[in-house]
Amino acid sequence: MNILFFIISEGLKGLFRSKFSTFLTIASLLLTLTLLNIYFLISQNILQKVGELRGRITIEAFLEDGLSENEITKLQQKILQIAKVDTAVFFSKDAALKKFQELFTDDYSQMIEENPLPASFQIRIRLDGGEQNTAQLISKIEKLEGIDEVIFHRKLLTAMNYYSSSLRQKLIFIGVGLLFISFGMLWINIKITLNAKARLIETMELVGAKRSLIRGPFYVQSIFEGMVAGVGSLFLCYLLVYIFDLKTILPYDELFFYPIYAVLISILLSFFTCFLAIRRQI
């Protein structure tokens, strides 16, 4: 119990003994976490917009002429039972003609004596299973009795999937890069601190102090530094959102990581870097 109290008290004292080192550690963590939070906000909003665009892609299934209301209802139920189909909205021949008249002039639409437009279903599907699964889903719809033709913008989906995947890879690369930069800054700072306390560490080893007793205060110090930096980054991020009104520019509901996650990431990053650096030297 006394040893634990000594480790904690020495770790806390270390925060004030090496003020410049503590400041550098907290500042580097604070900067990195703030950048990570802003990066998370921007990337989530970009991916959300891409997801919304993908969600607007629909399948248009044209029906054969002469289907009764009962047959159309049964066909709609069959479509909705297919996996990954979210909605199937029925458009009658009259609704299709009305839409046609909205797109073209009344004079042009009046030239049509009969309504040649077929009834159809506007089908929305979940586009999270890859192009092959989407093709299989379309094939199932085409085989249903009463379906005349299915139109789907396959090239548009292919382009959206390509750019979405490419964007995700770039965003992950940026996020990992920020973590490595933070790790490098912390590593250098801890090395400087250890070199400054080299004589003290050597003296403790000479008098027979256990390695856990020597390393412990550094671990405690890193945990508190990570905690302060994590809380500070949250305040800084919310301040930036308030000053620059980022919520209106990037209207994402969850502005940042949940507060506890941000603090935990800061603590783990600080402790992990300290753990690796100290075990290599002590």
C-alpha atoms as a PDB file:
ATOM      1  CA  MET A   1       0.000   0.000   0.000  1.00  0.00           C
ATOM      2  CA  ASN A   2       2.848   2.369   0.883  1.00  0.00           C
ATOM      3  CA  ILE A   3       4.588   1.520  -2.399  1.00  0.00           C
ATOM      4  CA  LEU A   4       1.421   2.284  -4.384  1.00  0.00           C
ATOM      5  CA  PHE A   5       0.995   5.583  -2.551  1.00  0.00           C
ATOM      6  CA  PHE A   6       4.645   6.432  -3.264  1.00  0.00           C
ATOM      7  CA  ILE A   7       4.263   5.664  -6.984  1.00  0.00           C
ATOM      8  CA  ILE A   8       1.104   7.789  -7.311  1.00  0.00           C
ATOM      9  CA  SER A   9       2.506  10.700  -5.293  1.00  0.00           C
ATOM     10  CA  GLU A  10       5.803  10.680  -7.205  1.00  0.00           C
ATOM     11  CA  GLY A  11       3.915  10.550 -10.492  1.00  0.00           C
ATOM     12  CA  LEU A  12       1.848  13.588  -9.528  1.00  0.00           C
ATOM     13  CA  LYS A  13       4.925  15.443  -8.275  1.00  0.00           C
ATOM     14  CA  GLY A  14       6.612  14.679 -11.588  1.00  0.00           C
ATOM     15  CA  LEU A  15       3.950  16.746 -13.347  1.00  0.00           C
ATOM     16  CA  PHE A  16       5.192  19.853 -11.548  1.00  0.00           C
ATOM     17  CA  ARG A  17       8.896  19.028 -11.301  1.00  0.00           C
ATOM     18  CA  SER A  18       9.365  18.824 -15.054  1.00  0.00           C
ATOM     19  CA  LYS A  19       6.899  21.535 -16.038  1.00  0.00           C
ATOM     20  CA  PHE A  20       8.294  22.087 -19.525  1.00  0.00           C
ATOM     21  CA  SER A  21       8.217  18.378 -20.344  1.00  0.00           C
ATOM     22  CA  THR A  22       4.681  18.085 -18.979  1.00  0.00           C
ATOM     23  CA  PHE A  23       3.611  21.075 -21.045  1.00  0.00           C
ATOM     24  CA  LEU A  24       5.088  19.587 -24.241  1.00  0.00           C
ATOM     25  CA  THR A  25       3.388  16.234 -23.652  1.00  0.00           C
ATOM     26  CA  ILE A  26      -0.024  17.749 -22.942  1.00  0.00           C
ATOM     27  CA  ALA A  27       0.319  20.257 -25.812  1.00  0.00           C
ATOM     28  CA  SER A  28       1.250  17.572 -28.362  1.00  0.00           C
ATOM     29  CA  LEU A  29      -1.606  15.328 -27.231  1.00  0.00           C
ATOM     30  CA  LEU A  30      -4.020  18.249 -27.158  1.00  0.00           C
ATOM     31  CA  LEU A  31      -3.115  19.286 -30.696  1.00  0.00           C
ATOM     32  CA  THR A  32      -3.331  15.751 -32.082  1.00  0.00           C
ATOM     33  CA  LEU A  33      -6.644  14.947 -30.403  1.00  0.00           C
ATOM     34  CA  THR A  34      -8.147  18.227 -31.574  1.00  0.00           C
ATOM     35  CA  LEU A  35      -7.058  17.453 -35.140  1.00  0.00           C
ATOM     36  CA  LEU A  36      -8.421  13.907 -34.797  1.00  0.00           C
ATOM     37  CA  ASN A  37     -11.782  15.169 -33.561  1.00  0.00           C
ATOM     38  CA  ILE A  38     -12.034  17.697 -36.400  1.00  0.00           C
ATOM     39  CA  TYR A  39     -10.912  15.004 -38.856  1.00  0.00           C
ATOM     40  CA  PHE A  40     -13.576  12.655 -37.475  1.00  0.00           C
ATOM     41  CA  LEU A  41     -16.235  15.345 -37.847  1.00  0.00           C
ATOM     42  CA  ILE A  42     -15.314  16.170 -41.444  1.00  0.00           C
ATOM     43  CA  SER A  43     -14.857  12.540 -42.536  1.00  0.00           C
ATOM     44  CA  GLN A  44     -18.156  11.414 -41.017  1.00  0.00           C
ATOM     45  CA  ASN A  45     -20.021  14.217 -42.741  1.00  0.00           C
ATOM     46  CA  ILE A  46     -18.381  13.429 -46.091  1.00  0.00           C
ATOM     47  CA  LEU A  47     -19.192   9.730 -45.759  1.00  0.00           C
ATOM     48  CA  GLN A  48     -22.720  10.597 -44.654  1.00  0.00           C
ATOM     49  CA  LYS A  49     -23.229  12.708 -47.789  1.00  0.00           C
ATOM     50  CA  VAL A  50     -21.867   9.880 -49.954  1.00  0.00           C
ATOM     51  CA  GLY A  51     -24.240   7.463 -48.220  1.00  0.00           C
ATOM     52  CA  GLU A  52     -27.169   9.790 -48.882  1.00  0.00           C
ATOM     53  CA  LEU A  53     -26.274   9.945 -52.573  1.00  0.00           C
ATOM     54  CA  ARG A  54     -26.035   6.153 -52.749  1.00  0.00           C
ATOM     55  CA  GLY A  55     -29.385   5.901 -50.980  1.00  0.00           C
ATOM     56  CA  ARG A  56     -31.049   7.930 -53.720  1.00  0.00           C
ATOM     57  CA  ILE A  57     -30.208   5.299 -56.325  1.00  0.00           C
ATOM     58  CA  THR A  58     -33.371   3.330 -57.023  1.00  0.00           C
ATOM     59  CA  ILE A  59     -34.449   0.348 -59.092  1.00  0.00           C
ATOM     60  CA  GLU A  60     -37.360   0.948 -61.444  1.00  0.00           C
ATOM     61  CA  ALA A  61     -39.358  -2.201 -62.130  1.00  0.00           C
ATOM     62  CA  PHE A  62     -41.915  -1.807 -64.948  1.00  0.00           C
ATOM     63  CA  LEU A  63     -45.026  -3.969 -64.792  1.00  0.00           C
ATOM     64  CA  GLU A  64     -46.776  -5.913 -67.502  1.00  0.00           C
ATOM     65  CA  ASP A  65     -50.053  -4.468 -68.764  1.00  0.00           C
ATOM     66  CA  GLY A  66     -53.327  -5.905 -67.573  1.00  0.00           C
ATOM     67  CA  LEU A  67     -52.412  -6.667 -63.946  1.00  0.00           C
ATOM     68  CA  SER A  68     -55.275  -6.341 -61.474  1.00  0.00           C
ATOM     69  CA  GLU A  69     -54.986  -4.401 -58.201  1.00  0.00           C
ATOM     70  CA  ASN A  70     -54.856  -7.670 -56.275  1.00  0.00           C
ATOM     71  CA  GLU A  71     -52.011  -8.976 -58.461  1.00  0.00           C
ATOM     72  CA  ILE A  72     -50.108  -5.699 -58.069  1.00  0.00           C
ATOM     73  CA  THR A  73     -50.489  -5.852 -54.263  1.00  0.00           C
ATOM     74  CA  LYS A  74     -49.237  -9.464 -54.162  1.00  0.00           C
ATOM     75  CA  LEU A  75     -46.312  -8.548 -56.420  1.00  0.00           C
ATOM     76  CA  GLN A  76     -45.418  -5.643 -54.140  1.00  0.00           C
ATOM     77  CA  GLN A  77     -45.406  -7.983 -51.130  1.00  0.00           C
ATOM     78  CA  LYS A  78     -43.129 -10.429 -52.960  1.00  0.00           C
ATOM     79  CA  ILE A  79     -40.674  -7.624 -53.754  1.00  0.00           C
ATOM     80  CA  LEU A  80     -40.650  -6.432 -50.131  1.00  0.00           C
ATOM     81  CA  GLN A  81     -39.903  -9.995 -48.951  1.00  0.00           C
ATOM     82  CA  ILE A  82     -36.650 -10.025 -50.927  1.00  0.00           C
ATOM     83  CA  ALA A  83     -33.622  -9.448 -48.689  1.00  0.00           C
ATOM     84  CA  LYS A  84     -32.158  -5.914 -48.661  1.00  0.00           C
ATOM     85  CA  VAL A  85     -35.272  -4.330 -50.187  1.00  0.00           C
ATOM     86  CA  ASP A  86     -36.339  -1.359 -48.052  1.00  0.00           C
ATOM     87  CA  THR A  87     -39.290   0.112 -49.943  1.00  0.00           C
ATOM     88  CA  ALA A  88     -41.311  -0.578 -53.080  1.00  0.00           C
ATOM     89  CA  VAL A  89     -43.530   2.371 -54.022  1.00  0.00           C
ATOM     90  CA  PHE A  90     -46.157   1.747 -56.701  1.00  0.00           C
ATOM     91  CA  PHE A  91     -46.568   4.271 -59.534  1.00  0.00           C
ATOM     92  CA  SER A  92     -49.705   3.782 -61.609  1.00  0.00           C
ATOM     93  CA  LYS A  93     -49.948   4.540 -65.309  1.00  0.00           C
ATOM     94  CA  ASP A  94     -51.775   7.789 -64.471  1.00  0.00           C
ATOM     95  CA  ALA A  95     -49.055   8.815 -62.001  1.00  0.00           C
ATOM     96  CA  ALA A  96     -46.396   8.087 -64.620  1.00  0.00           C
ATOM     97  CA  LEU A  97     -48.270  10.223 -67.173  1.00  0.00           C
ATOM     98  CA  LYS A  98     -48.625  13.081 -64.693  1.00  0.00           C
ATOM     99  CA  LYS A  99     -44.895  12.985 -64.017  1.00  0.00           C
ATOM    100  CA  PHE A 100     -44.264  12.970 -67.765  1.00  0.00           C
ATOM    101  CA  GLN A 101     -46.466  16.050 -68.175  1.00  0.00           C
ATOM    102  CA  GLU A 102     -44.512  17.844 -65.447  1.00  0.00           C
ATOM    103  CA  LEU A 103     -41.263  17.193 -67.276  1.00  0.00           C
ATOM    104  CA  PHE A 104     -42.497  18.129 -70.740  1.00  0.00           C
ATOM    105  CA  THR A 105     -44.787  20.838 -72.086  1.00  0.00           C
ATOM    106  CA  ASP A 106     -48.524  20.393 -72.077  1.00  0.00           C
ATOM    107  CA  ASP A 107     -48.597  20.734 -75.863  1.00  0.00           C
ATOM    108  CA  TYR A 108     -46.236  17.788 -76.276  1.00  0.00           C
ATOM    109  CA  SER A 109     -48.114  15.617 -73.804  1.00  0.00           C
ATOM    110  CA  GLN A 110     -51.441  16.397 -75.468  1.00  0.00           C
ATOM    111  CA  MET A 111     -50.130  14.859 -78.696  1.00  0.00           C
ATOM    112  CA  ILE A 112     -50.360  11.466 -76.993  1.00  0.00           C
ATOM    113  CA  GLU A 113     -53.830  10.018 -77.557  1.00  0.00           C
ATOM    114  CA  GLU A 114     -53.400   7.047 -75.218  1.00  0.00           C
ATOM    115  CA  ASN A 115     -51.282   6.595 -72.125  1.00  0.00           C
ATOM    116  CA  PRO A 116     -48.364   4.410 -73.306  1.00  0.00           C
ATOM    117  CA  LEU A 117     -46.487   4.603 -70.022  1.00  0.00           C
ATOM    118  CA  PRO A 118     -46.387   1.422 -67.920  1.00  0.00           C
ATOM    119  CA  ALA A 119     -47.045   1.170 -64.212  1.00  0.00           C
ATOM    120  CA  SER A 120     -43.949   0.589 -62.123  1.00  0.00           C
ATOM    121  CA  PHE A 121     -42.410   0.097 -58.695  1.00  0.00           C
ATOM    122  CA  GLN A 122     -39.747   2.515 -57.436  1.00  0.00           C
ATOM    123  CA  ILE A 123     -37.617   0.183 -55.321  1.00  0.00           C
ATOM    124  CA  ARG A 124     -35.029   1.315 -52.778  1.00  0.00           C
ATOM    125  CA  ILE A 125     -32.472  -1.242 -51.671  1.00  0.00           C
ATOM    126  CA  ARG A 126     -29.612  -1.363 -49.173  1.00  0.00           C
ATOM    127  CA  LEU A 127     -26.418  -0.967 -51.175  1.00  0.00           C
ATOM    128  CA  ASP A 128     -24.097  -2.504 -48.575  1.00  0.00           C
ATOM    129  CA  GLY A 129     -23.565  -5.940 -50.065  1.00  0.00           C
ATOM    130  CA  GLY A 130     -21.376  -5.194 -53.068  1.00  0.00           C
ATOM    131  CA  GLU A 131     -22.194  -5.070 -56.759  1.00  0.00           C
ATOM    132  CA  GLN A 132     -22.481  -8.850 -57.121  1.00  0.00           C
ATOM    133  CA  ASN A 133     -25.172  -9.058 -54.425  1.00  0.00           C
ATOM    134  CA  THR A 134     -26.985  -6.105 -56.002  1.00  0.00           C
ATOM    135  CA  ALA A 135     -26.949  -7.874 -59.386  1.00  0.00           C
ATOM    136  CA  GLN A 136     -28.391 -11.022 -57.776  1.00  0.00           C
ATOM    137  CA  LEU A 137     -31.116  -8.964 -56.125  1.00  0.00           C
ATOM    138  CA  ILE A 138     -32.060  -7.340 -59.455  1.00  0.00           C
ATOM    139  CA  SER A 139     -32.135 -10.782 -61.077  1.00  0.00           C
ATOM    140  CA  LYS A 140     -34.615 -11.986 -58.426  1.00  0.00           C
ATOM    141  CA  ILE A 141     -36.882  -9.017 -59.131  1.00  0.00           C
ATOM    142  CA  GLU A 142     -36.702  -9.590 -62.905  1.00  0.00           C
ATOM    143  CA  LYS A 143     -37.809 -13.211 -62.486  1.00  0.00           C
ATOM    144  CA  LEU A 144     -40.981 -12.284 -60.588  1.00  0.00           C
ATOM    145  CA  GLU A 145     -44.186 -12.909 -62.519  1.00  0.00           C
ATOM    146  CA  GLY A 146     -45.690  -9.612 -63.646  1.00  0.00           C
ATOM    147  CA  ILE A 147     -42.365  -7.765 -64.022  1.00  0.00           C
ATOM    148  CA  ASP A 148     -41.719  -6.675 -67.597  1.00  0.00           C
ATOM    149  CA  GLU A 149     -38.379  -4.854 -67.278  1.00  0.00           C
ATOM    150  CA  VAL A 150     -36.013  -3.652 -64.558  1.00  0.00           C
ATOM    151  CA  ILE A 151     -33.887  -0.530 -64.987  1.00  0.00           C
ATOM    152  CA  PHE A 152     -30.973   0.150 -62.662  1.00  0.00           C
ATOM    153  CA  HIS A 153     -28.139   2.683 -62.958  1.00  0.00           C
ATOM    154  CA  ARG A 154     -25.348   0.134 -62.590  1.00  0.00           C
ATOM    155  CA  LYS A 155     -22.568   2.410 -63.880  1.00  0.00           C
ATOM    156  CA  LEU A 156     -23.545   5.130 -61.419  1.00  0.00           C
ATOM    157  CA  LEU A 157     -23.429   2.647 -58.538  1.00  0.00           C
ATOM    158  CA  THR A 158     -20.022   1.356 -59.685  1.00  0.00           C
ATOM    159  CA  ALA A 159     -18.654   4.906 -59.763  1.00  0.00           C
ATOM    160  CA  MET A 160     -20.152   5.702 -56.342  1.00  0.00           C
ATOM    161  CA  ASN A 161     -18.693   2.521 -54.808  1.00  0.00           C
ATOM    162  CA  TYR A 162     -15.262   3.253 -56.287  1.00  0.00           C
ATOM    163  CA  TYR A 163     -15.089   6.825 -55.026  1.00  0.00           C
ATOM    164  CA  SER A 164     -16.589   5.879 -51.661  1.00  0.00           C
ATOM    165  CA  SER A 165     -13.988   3.130 -51.140  1.00  0.00           C
ATOM    166  CA  SER A 166     -11.157   5.406 -52.278  1.00  0.00           C
ATOM    167  CA  LEU A 167     -12.341   8.162 -49.942  1.00  0.00           C
ATOM    168  CA  ARG A 168     -12.525   5.791 -46.963  1.00  0.00           C
ATOM    169  CA  GLN A 169      -8.957   4.597 -47.587  1.00  0.00           C
ATOM    170  CA  LYS A 170      -7.645   8.163 -47.760  1.00  0.00           C
ATOM    171  CA  LEU A 171      -9.475   9.174 -44.589  1.00  0.00           C
ATOM    172  CA  ILE A 172      -8.117   6.127 -42.724  1.00  0.00           C
ATOM    173  CA  PHE A 173      -4.610   6.956 -43.970  1.00  0.00           C
ATOM    174  CA  ILE A 174      -4.918  10.527 -42.661  1.00  0.00           C
ATOM    175  CA  GLY A 175      -6.223   9.331 -39.281  1.00  0.00           C
ATOM    176  CA  VAL A 176      -3.425   6.775 -38.851  1.00  0.00           C
ATOM    177  CA  GLY A 177      -0.902   9.422 -39.923  1.00  0.00           C
ATOM    178  CA  LEU A 178      -2.102  11.787 -37.203  1.00  0.00           C
ATOM    179  CA  LEU A 179      -1.747   9.030 -34.599  1.00  0.00           C
ATOM    180  CA  PHE A 180       1.815   8.265 -35.732  1.00  0.00           C
ATOM    181  CA  ILE A 181       2.744  11.950 -35.583  1.00  0.00           C
ATOM    182  CA  SER A 182       1.405  12.143 -32.031  1.00  0.00           C
ATOM    183  CA  PHE A 183       3.239   8.935 -31.096  1.00  0.00           C
ATOM    184  CA  GLY A 184       6.514  10.330 -32.476  1.00  0.00           C
ATOM    185  CA  MET A 185       6.161  13.627 -30.614  1.00  0.00           C
ATOM    186  CA  LEU A 186       5.398  11.841 -27.344  1.00  0.00           C
ATOM    187  CA  TRP A 187       8.264   9.396 -27.856  1.00  0.00           C
ATOM    188  CA  ILE A 188      10.803  12.190 -28.328  1.00  0.00           C
ATOM    189  CA  ASN A 189       9.462  14.068 -25.307  1.00  0.00           C
ATOM    190  CA  ILE A 190       9.622  10.996 -23.044  1.00  0.00           C
ATOM    191  CA  LYS A 191      13.177  10.259 -24.198  1.00  0.00           C
ATOM    192  CA  ILE A 192      14.198  13.813 -23.288  1.00  0.00           C
ATOM    193  CA  THR A 193      12.578  13.396 -19.852  1.00  0.00           C
ATOM    194  CA  LEU A 194      14.339  10.069 -19.239  1.00  0.00           C
ATOM    195  CA  ASN A 195      17.707  11.512 -20.246  1.00  0.00           C
ATOM    196  CA  ALA A 196      17.163  14.437 -17.877  1.00  0.00           C
ATOM    197  CA  LYS A 197      16.456  11.999 -15.038  1.00  0.00           C
ATOM    198  CA  ALA A 198      19.142   9.496 -16.010  1.00  0.00           C
ATOM    199  CA  ARG A 199      21.235  10.173 -12.888  1.00  0.00           C
ATOM    200  CA  LEU A 200      18.232   9.792 -10.573  1.00  0.00           C
ATOM    201  CA  ILE A 201      17.234   6.527 -12.272  1.00  0.00           C
ATOM    202  CA  GLU A 202      20.802   5.222 -12.026  1.00  0.00           C
ATOM    203  CA  THR A 203      20.940   6.096  -8.324  1.00  0.00           C
ATOM    204  CA  MET A 204      17.671   4.262  -7.630  1.00  0.00           C
ATOM    205  CA  GLU A 205      18.971   1.199  -9.472  1.00  0.00           C
ATOM    206  CA  LEU A 206      22.200   1.270  -7.428  1.00  0.00           C
ATOM    207  CA  VAL A 207      20.309   1.293  -4.118  1.00  0.00           C
ATOM    208  CA  GLY A 208      18.324  -1.760  -5.256  1.00  0.00           C
ATOM    209  CA  ALA A 209      14.995  -0.204  -6.231  1.00  0.00           C
ATOM    210  CA  LYS A 210      12.767  -2.506  -8.246  1.00  0.00           C
ATOM    211  CA  ARG A 211      12.069  -1.643 -11.861  1.00  0.00           C
ATOM    212  CA  SER A 212       8.343  -1.397 -11.134  1.00  0.00           C
ATOM    213  CA  LEU A 213       9.092   1.243  -8.490  1.00  0.00           C
ATOM    214  CA  ILE A 214      11.203   3.254 -10.953  1.00  0.00           C
ATOM    215  CA  ARG A 215       8.789   2.931 -13.859  1.00  0.00           C
ATOM    216  CA  GLY A 216       5.583   3.409 -11.855  1.00  0.00           C
ATOM    217  CA  PRO A 217       5.731   7.210 -11.386  1.00  0.00           C
ATOM    218  CA  PHE A 218       6.322   7.680 -15.131  1.00  0.00           C
ATOM    219  CA  TYR A 219       3.225   5.584 -15.905  1.00  0.00           C
ATOM    220  CA  VAL A 220       1.109   7.558 -13.428  1.00  0.00           C
ATOM    221  CA  GLN A 221       2.388  10.823 -14.875  1.00  0.00           C
ATOM    222  CA  SER A 222       1.534   9.708 -18.426  1.00  0.00           C
ATOM    223  CA  ILE A 223      -2.016   8.748 -17.381  1.00  0.00           C
ATOM    224  CA  PHE A 224      -2.681  12.147 -15.819  1.00  0.00           C
ATOM    225  CA  GLU A 225      -1.132  13.947 -18.789  1.00  0.00           C
ATOM    226  CA  GLY A 226      -3.373  11.979 -21.143  1.00  0.00           C
ATOM    227  CA  MET A 227      -6.425  12.743 -19.019  1.00  0.00           C
ATOM    228  CA  VAL A 228      -5.734  16.499 -18.965  1.00  0.00           C
ATOM    229  CA  ALA A 229      -5.051  16.543 -22.723  1.00  0.00           C
ATOM    230  CA  GLY A 230      -8.219  14.545 -23.487  1.00  0.00           C
ATOM    231  CA  VAL A 231     -10.492  16.844 -21.487  1.00  0.00           C
ATOM    232  CA  GLY A 232      -8.707  19.910 -22.890  1.00  0.00           C
ATOM    233  CA  SER A 233      -9.158  18.747 -26.486  1.00  0.00           C
ATOM    234  CA  LEU A 234     -12.910  18.387 -25.962  1.00  0.00           C
ATOM    235  CA  PHE A 235     -13.226  21.930 -24.633  1.00  0.00           C
ATOM    236  CA  LEU A 236     -11.087  23.223 -27.501  1.00  0.00           C
ATOM    237  CA  CYS A 237     -13.159  21.377 -30.121  1.00  0.00           C
ATOM    238  CA  TYR A 238     -16.472  22.615 -28.761  1.00  0.00           C
ATOM    239  CA  LEU A 239     -15.006  26.126 -28.611  1.00  0.00           C
ATOM    240  CA  LEU A 240     -13.999  25.903 -32.283  1.00  0.00           C
ATOM    241  CA  VAL A 241     -17.485  24.682 -33.202  1.00  0.00           C
ATOM    242  CA  TYR A 242     -19.023  27.623 -31.347  1.00  0.00           C
ATOM    243  CA  ILE A 243     -16.643  30.263 -32.769  1.00  0.00           C
ATOM    244  CA  PHE A 244     -16.739  29.118 -36.409  1.00  0.00           C
ATOM    245  CA  ASP A 245     -20.313  27.777 -36.266  1.00  0.00           C
ATOM    246  CA  LEU A 246     -19.177  24.455 -37.736  1.00  0.00           C
ATOM    247  CA  LYS A 247     -22.433  22.730 -36.852  1.00  0.00           C
ATOM    248  CA  THR A 248     -24.275  24.636 -39.590  1.00  0.00           C
ATOM    249  CA  ILE A 249     -21.510  23.951 -42.118  1.00  0.00           C
ATOM    250  CA  LEU A 250     -21.183  20.277 -41.245  1.00  0.00           C
ATOM    251  CA  PRO A 251     -24.553  19.236 -39.769  1.00  0.00           C
ATOM    252  CA  TYR A 252     -23.534  15.905 -38.307  1.00  0.00           C
ATOM    253  CA  ASP A 253     -25.528  14.920 -35.234  1.00  0.00           C
ATOM    254  CA  GLU A 254     -22.630  13.405 -33.298  1.00  0.00           C
ATOM    255  CA  LEU A 255     -20.091  16.206 -33.538  1.00  0.00           C
ATOM    256  CA  PHE A 256     -17.175  14.272 -32.091  1.00  0.00           C
ATOM    257  CA  PHE A 257     -16.226  11.039 -30.447  1.00  0.00           C
ATOM    258  CA  TYR A 258     -18.217  10.457 -27.319  1.00  0.00           C
ATOM    259  CA  PRO A 259     -16.385  12.424 -24.574  1.00  0.00           C
ATOM    260  CA  ILE A 260     -15.299   9.298 -22.690  1.00  0.00           C
ATOM    261  CA  TYR A 261     -13.784   7.852 -25.892  1.00  0.00           C
ATOM    262  CA  ALA A 262     -11.731  10.992 -26.532  1.00  0.00           C
ATOM    263  CA  VAL A 263     -10.325  10.941 -22.996  1.00  0.00           C
ATOM    264  CA  LEU A 264      -9.636   7.187 -23.143  1.00  0.00           C
ATOM    265  CA  ILE A 265      -7.801   7.508 -26.469  1.00  0.00           C
ATOM    266  CA  SER A 266      -5.669  10.289 -25.008  1.00  0.00           C
ATOM    267  CA  ILE A 267      -4.819   8.263 -21.886  1.00  0.00           C
ATOM    268  CA  LEU A 268      -4.058   5.082 -23.846  1.00  0.00           C
ATOM    269  CA  LEU A 269      -1.887   6.903 -26.378  1.00  0.00           C
ATOM    270  CA  SER A 270       0.100   8.653 -23.643  1.00  0.00           C
ATOM    271  CA  PHE A 271       0.458   5.509 -21.507  1.00  0.00           C
ATOM    272  CA  PHE A 272       1.310   3.199 -24.424  1.00  0.00           C
ATOM    273  CA  THR A 273       4.047   5.520 -25.705  1.00  0.00           C
ATOM    274  CA  CYS A 274       5.463   5.930 -22.197  1.00  0.00           C
ATOM    275  CA  PHE A 275       5.298   2.167 -21.610  1.00  0.00           C
ATOM    276  CA  LEU A 276       7.291   1.352 -24.759  1.00  0.00           C
ATOM    277  CA  ALA A 277       9.867   4.105 -24.249  1.00  0.00           C
ATOM    278  CA  ILE A 278      10.557   3.278 -20.593  1.00  0.00           C
ATOM    279  CA  ARG A 279      10.802  -0.500 -21.077  1.00  0.00           C
ATOM    280  CA  ARG A 280      13.489   0.070 -23.702  1.00  0.00           C
ATOM    281  CA  GLN A 281      15.581   2.206 -21.346  1.00  0.00           C
ATOM    282  CA  ILE A 282      14.907   0.985 -17.806  1.00  0.00           C
END
